[in-house]
Amino acid sequence: MTLGEKLKNARLALDMSQTELAKKTGISERSLYTYEQMGAVPRTSNIKKLADALNVTVTYLMDEDETDTEKDANLDIFLANVKNEYGSRGAREASEVLDRASALFAGGELDEEAKEVFFRALMEVYLDSKSEAKEKFAPKQRASKKTTKQDV
């Protein structure tokens, strides 16, 4: 996978436009376009800004090997999405869940594809349960309950 493809995939995974990424990094939209579409390589300072804004590592962006590094980037993107939606505590909790689940495979004989399927399903279940909990226990519901109790 090329640097441009990695930039675009990470940006889209965060549901971010080139305009939003440009504002977040201070890099022009035209430059972002040339990185993603034309294969231009950014300056070192811009690579760091892009990695930070996209919640991936510089190594992921610069390494053409897609194996372990791509898995790390997928994890980084997942945790960035959780952090955006549920805050640092949610990202920390998600990371702990995934770390504990990876311990299940120590010494096991599952192939990498089966492990990937498992972790994708685990991430999906985690997000679904957080979403349901957020709807059920939203602060605005608590605030409306407090108001009704005070009104009575």
C-alpha atoms as a PDB file:
ATOM      1  CA  MET A   1       0.000   0.000   0.000  1.00  0.00           C
ATOM      2  CA  THR A   2       1.372   3.407  -0.927  1.00  0.00           C
ATOM      3  CA  LEU A   3       1.730   6.377   1.395  1.00  0.00           C
ATOM      4  CA  GLY A   4      -1.097   8.130  -0.463  1.00  0.00           C
ATOM      5  CA  GLU A   5      -3.421   5.151  -0.042  1.00  0.00           C
ATOM      6  CA  LYS A   6      -2.600   4.920   3.651  1.00  0.00           C
ATOM      7  CA  LEU A   7      -3.275   8.637   4.150  1.00  0.00           C
ATOM      8  CA  LYS A   8      -6.592   8.435   2.334  1.00  0.00           C
ATOM      9  CA  ASN A   9      -7.702   5.248   4.132  1.00  0.00           C
ATOM     10  CA  ALA A  10      -6.835   6.643   7.563  1.00  0.00           C
ATOM     11  CA  ARG A  11      -8.567   9.953   6.779  1.00  0.00           C
ATOM     12  CA  LEU A  12     -11.718   8.222   5.525  1.00  0.00           C
ATOM     13  CA  ALA A  13     -11.738   5.842   8.507  1.00  0.00           C
ATOM     14  CA  LEU A  14     -12.015   8.933  10.704  1.00  0.00           C
ATOM     15  CA  ASP A  15     -14.753  10.280   8.416  1.00  0.00           C
ATOM     16  CA  MET A  16     -12.604  13.345   7.744  1.00  0.00           C
ATOM     17  CA  SER A  17     -12.514  15.411   4.559  1.00  0.00           C
ATOM     18  CA  GLN A  18      -9.322  16.780   3.041  1.00  0.00           C
ATOM     19  CA  THR A  19     -10.515  20.232   4.095  1.00  0.00           C
ATOM     20  CA  GLU A  20     -10.862  19.127   7.721  1.00  0.00           C
ATOM     21  CA  LEU A  21      -7.454  17.449   7.642  1.00  0.00           C
ATOM     22  CA  ALA A  22      -5.930  20.586   6.140  1.00  0.00           C
ATOM     23  CA  LYS A  23      -7.364  22.708   8.969  1.00  0.00           C
ATOM     24  CA  LYS A  24      -6.207  20.234  11.612  1.00  0.00           C
ATOM     25  CA  THR A  25      -2.636  19.982  10.274  1.00  0.00           C
ATOM     26  CA  GLY A  26      -2.015  23.378   8.686  1.00  0.00           C
ATOM     27  CA  ILE A  27      -1.137  21.611   5.418  1.00  0.00           C
ATOM     28  CA  SER A  28      -2.828  22.968   2.290  1.00  0.00           C
ATOM     29  CA  GLU A  29      -5.589  20.986   0.611  1.00  0.00           C
ATOM     30  CA  ARG A  30      -3.569  21.065  -2.597  1.00  0.00           C
ATOM     31  CA  SER A  31      -0.631  19.409  -0.837  1.00  0.00           C
ATOM     32  CA  LEU A  32      -2.909  16.770   0.682  1.00  0.00           C
ATOM     33  CA  TYR A  33      -4.299  16.045  -2.760  1.00  0.00           C
ATOM     34  CA  THR A  34      -0.801  15.591  -4.202  1.00  0.00           C
ATOM     35  CA  TYR A  35       0.148  13.250  -1.346  1.00  0.00           C
ATOM     36  CA  GLU A  36      -2.958  11.105  -1.763  1.00  0.00           C
ATOM     37  CA  GLN A  37      -3.459  11.164  -5.528  1.00  0.00           C
ATOM     38  CA  MET A  38      -0.128  12.005  -7.114  1.00  0.00           C
ATOM     39  CA  GLY A  39       2.173  10.020  -4.847  1.00  0.00           C
ATOM     40  CA  ALA A  40       4.173  13.026  -3.635  1.00  0.00           C
ATOM     41  CA  VAL A  41       6.066  12.427  -0.402  1.00  0.00           C
ATOM     42  CA  PRO A  42       5.519  15.053   2.306  1.00  0.00           C
ATOM     43  CA  ARG A  43       8.301  16.760   4.228  1.00  0.00           C
ATOM     44  CA  THR A  44       9.228  15.070   7.479  1.00  0.00           C
ATOM     45  CA  SER A  45       7.464  17.741   9.534  1.00  0.00           C
ATOM     46  CA  ASN A  46       4.274  17.222   7.527  1.00  0.00           C
ATOM     47  CA  ILE A  47       4.443  13.445   7.898  1.00  0.00           C
ATOM     48  CA  LYS A  48       4.516  13.895  11.674  1.00  0.00           C
ATOM     49  CA  LYS A  49       1.552  16.297  11.552  1.00  0.00           C
ATOM     50  CA  LEU A  50      -0.420  13.880   9.374  1.00  0.00           C
ATOM     51  CA  ALA A  51       0.338  10.887  11.598  1.00  0.00           C
ATOM     52  CA  ASP A  52      -0.761  12.826  14.694  1.00  0.00           C
ATOM     53  CA  ALA A  53      -3.956  14.107  13.055  1.00  0.00           C
ATOM     54  CA  LEU A  54      -4.869  10.667  11.712  1.00  0.00           C
ATOM     55  CA  ASN A  55      -3.929   8.834  14.925  1.00  0.00           C
ATOM     56  CA  VAL A  56      -1.469   6.533  13.174  1.00  0.00           C
ATOM     57  CA  THR A  57       2.270   6.130  13.530  1.00  0.00           C
ATOM     58  CA  VAL A  58       4.876   7.649  11.244  1.00  0.00           C
ATOM     59  CA  THR A  59       6.213   4.120  10.792  1.00  0.00           C
ATOM     60  CA  TYR A  60       2.849   2.981   9.447  1.00  0.00           C
ATOM     61  CA  LEU A  61       2.766   5.800   6.912  1.00  0.00           C
ATOM     62  CA  MET A  62       6.327   5.298   5.721  1.00  0.00           C
ATOM     63  CA  ASP A  63       6.616   1.493   5.856  1.00  0.00           C
ATOM     64  CA  GLU A  64       5.553  -0.250   2.654  1.00  0.00           C
ATOM     65  CA  ASP A  65       5.238  -3.585   4.481  1.00  0.00           C
ATOM     66  CA  GLU A  66       1.518  -4.104   5.100  1.00  0.00           C
ATOM     67  CA  THR A  67       1.594  -6.971   7.585  1.00  0.00           C
ATOM     68  CA  ASP A  68       1.940  -6.127  11.269  1.00  0.00           C
ATOM     69  CA  THR A  69       2.163  -2.396  10.640  1.00  0.00           C
ATOM     70  CA  GLU A  70      -1.222  -2.327   8.915  1.00  0.00           C
ATOM     71  CA  LYS A  71      -2.792  -4.210  11.822  1.00  0.00           C
ATOM     72  CA  ASP A  72      -1.320  -1.615  14.177  1.00  0.00           C
ATOM     73  CA  ALA A  73      -2.779   1.167  12.022  1.00  0.00           C
ATOM     74  CA  ASN A  74      -6.220  -0.465  12.054  1.00  0.00           C
ATOM     75  CA  LEU A  75      -6.000  -0.650  15.835  1.00  0.00           C
ATOM     76  CA  ASP A  76      -4.851   2.988  16.003  1.00  0.00           C
ATOM     77  CA  ILE A  77      -7.757   4.075  13.795  1.00  0.00           C
ATOM     78  CA  PHE A  78     -10.251   2.052  15.846  1.00  0.00           C
ATOM     79  CA  LEU A  79      -8.959   3.535  19.107  1.00  0.00           C
ATOM     80  CA  ALA A  80      -9.023   7.045  17.603  1.00  0.00           C
ATOM     81  CA  ASN A  81     -12.665   6.563  16.637  1.00  0.00           C
ATOM     82  CA  VAL A  82     -13.485   5.312  20.134  1.00  0.00           C
ATOM     83  CA  LYS A  83     -11.647   8.282  21.660  1.00  0.00           C
ATOM     84  CA  ASN A  84     -13.543  10.741  19.449  1.00  0.00           C
ATOM     85  CA  GLU A  85     -16.871   9.168  20.370  1.00  0.00           C
ATOM     86  CA  TYR A  86     -16.337   8.132  24.009  1.00  0.00           C
ATOM     87  CA  GLY A  87     -13.293  10.065  25.200  1.00  0.00           C
ATOM     88  CA  SER A  88      -9.917   8.957  26.561  1.00  0.00           C
ATOM     89  CA  ARG A  89     -11.503   6.682  29.129  1.00  0.00           C
ATOM     90  CA  GLY A  90     -13.416   4.806  26.414  1.00  0.00           C
ATOM     91  CA  ALA A  91     -10.250   4.412  24.319  1.00  0.00           C
ATOM     92  CA  ARG A  92      -8.323   3.138  27.345  1.00  0.00           C
ATOM     93  CA  GLU A  93     -11.109   0.673  28.131  1.00  0.00           C
ATOM     94  CA  ALA A  94     -11.234  -0.560  24.514  1.00  0.00           C
ATOM     95  CA  SER A  95      -7.468  -1.004  24.469  1.00  0.00           C
ATOM     96  CA  GLU A  96      -7.623  -3.050  27.682  1.00  0.00           C
ATOM     97  CA  VAL A  97     -10.372  -5.276  26.258  1.00  0.00           C
ATOM     98  CA  LEU A  98      -8.336  -5.948  23.122  1.00  0.00           C
ATOM     99  CA  ASP A  99      -5.157  -6.588  25.131  1.00  0.00           C
ATOM    100  CA  ARG A 100      -6.959  -9.103  27.333  1.00  0.00           C
ATOM    101  CA  ALA A 101      -8.494 -10.815  24.321  1.00  0.00           C
ATOM    102  CA  SER A 102      -5.093 -11.113  22.611  1.00  0.00           C
ATOM    103  CA  ALA A 103      -3.842 -13.003  25.651  1.00  0.00           C
ATOM    104  CA  LEU A 104      -6.362 -15.717  24.770  1.00  0.00           C
ATOM    105  CA  PHE A 105      -4.270 -16.582  21.720  1.00  0.00           C
ATOM    106  CA  ALA A 106      -0.938 -17.025  23.507  1.00  0.00           C
ATOM    107  CA  GLY A 107       0.452 -20.315  22.323  1.00  0.00           C
ATOM    108  CA  GLY A 108      -2.658 -21.048  20.285  1.00  0.00           C
ATOM    109  CA  GLU A 109      -2.845 -22.426  16.801  1.00  0.00           C
ATOM    110  CA  LEU A 110      -5.284 -20.019  15.141  1.00  0.00           C
ATOM    111  CA  ASP A 111      -4.054 -18.530  11.911  1.00  0.00           C
ATOM    112  CA  GLU A 112      -3.752 -14.765  11.492  1.00  0.00           C
ATOM    113  CA  GLU A 113      -6.911 -14.499   9.384  1.00  0.00           C
ATOM    114  CA  ALA A 114      -9.031 -16.160  12.081  1.00  0.00           C
ATOM    115  CA  LYS A 115      -7.547 -13.849  14.712  1.00  0.00           C
ATOM    116  CA  GLU A 116      -8.320 -10.823  12.528  1.00  0.00           C
ATOM    117  CA  VAL A 117     -11.955 -11.939  12.143  1.00  0.00           C
ATOM    118  CA  PHE A 118     -12.215 -12.375  15.907  1.00  0.00           C
ATOM    119  CA  PHE A 119     -10.789  -8.933  16.676  1.00  0.00           C
ATOM    120  CA  ARG A 120     -12.979  -7.200  14.095  1.00  0.00           C
ATOM    121  CA  ALA A 121     -16.056  -8.831  15.630  1.00  0.00           C
ATOM    122  CA  LEU A 122     -14.874  -7.871  19.114  1.00  0.00           C
ATOM    123  CA  MET A 123     -14.405  -4.241  18.036  1.00  0.00           C
ATOM    124  CA  GLU A 124     -17.873  -4.198  16.480  1.00  0.00           C
ATOM    125  CA  VAL A 125     -19.487  -5.650  19.607  1.00  0.00           C
ATOM    126  CA  TYR A 126     -17.608  -3.164  21.789  1.00  0.00           C
ATOM    127  CA  LEU A 127     -18.833  -0.193  19.736  1.00  0.00           C
ATOM    128  CA  ASP A 128     -22.408  -1.511  19.679  1.00  0.00           C
ATOM    129  CA  SER A 129     -22.479  -1.966  23.448  1.00  0.00           C
ATOM    130  CA  LYS A 130     -20.977   1.488  24.063  1.00  0.00           C
ATOM    131  CA  SER A 131     -23.542   3.026  21.730  1.00  0.00           C
ATOM    132  CA  GLU A 132     -26.434   1.301  23.509  1.00  0.00           C
ATOM    133  CA  ALA A 133     -25.090   2.321  26.914  1.00  0.00           C
ATOM    134  CA  LYS A 134     -24.689   5.909  25.712  1.00  0.00           C
ATOM    135  CA  GLU A 135     -28.301   5.997  24.550  1.00  0.00           C
ATOM    136  CA  LYS A 136     -29.600   4.365  27.708  1.00  0.00           C
ATOM    137  CA  PHE A 137     -27.579   6.392  30.193  1.00  0.00           C
ATOM    138  CA  ALA A 138     -27.110   9.694  28.355  1.00  0.00           C
ATOM    139  CA  PRO A 139     -26.449  12.660  30.666  1.00  0.00           C
ATOM    140  CA  LYS A 140     -29.356  14.594  29.152  1.00  0.00           C
ATOM    141  CA  GLN A 141     -31.741  11.881  30.386  1.00  0.00           C
ATOM    142  CA  ARG A 142     -30.313  12.177  33.868  1.00  0.00           C
ATOM    143  CA  ALA A 143     -30.638  15.953  33.703  1.00  0.00           C
ATOM    144  CA  SER A 144     -34.312  15.707  32.686  1.00  0.00           C
ATOM    145  CA  LYS A 145     -34.974  13.266  35.553  1.00  0.00           C
ATOM    146  CA  LYS A 146     -33.394  15.690  38.009  1.00  0.00           C
ATOM    147  CA  THR A 147     -35.530  18.502  36.659  1.00  0.00           C
ATOM    148  CA  THR A 148     -38.726  16.515  37.062  1.00  0.00           C
ATOM    149  CA  LYS A 149     -37.780  15.533  40.617  1.00  0.00           C
ATOM    150  CA  GLN A 150     -37.102  19.146  41.518  1.00  0.00           C
ATOM    151  CA  ASP A 151     -40.342  20.296  39.892  1.00  0.00           C
ATOM    152  CA  VAL A 152     -42.415  17.871  42.007  1.00  0.00           C
END
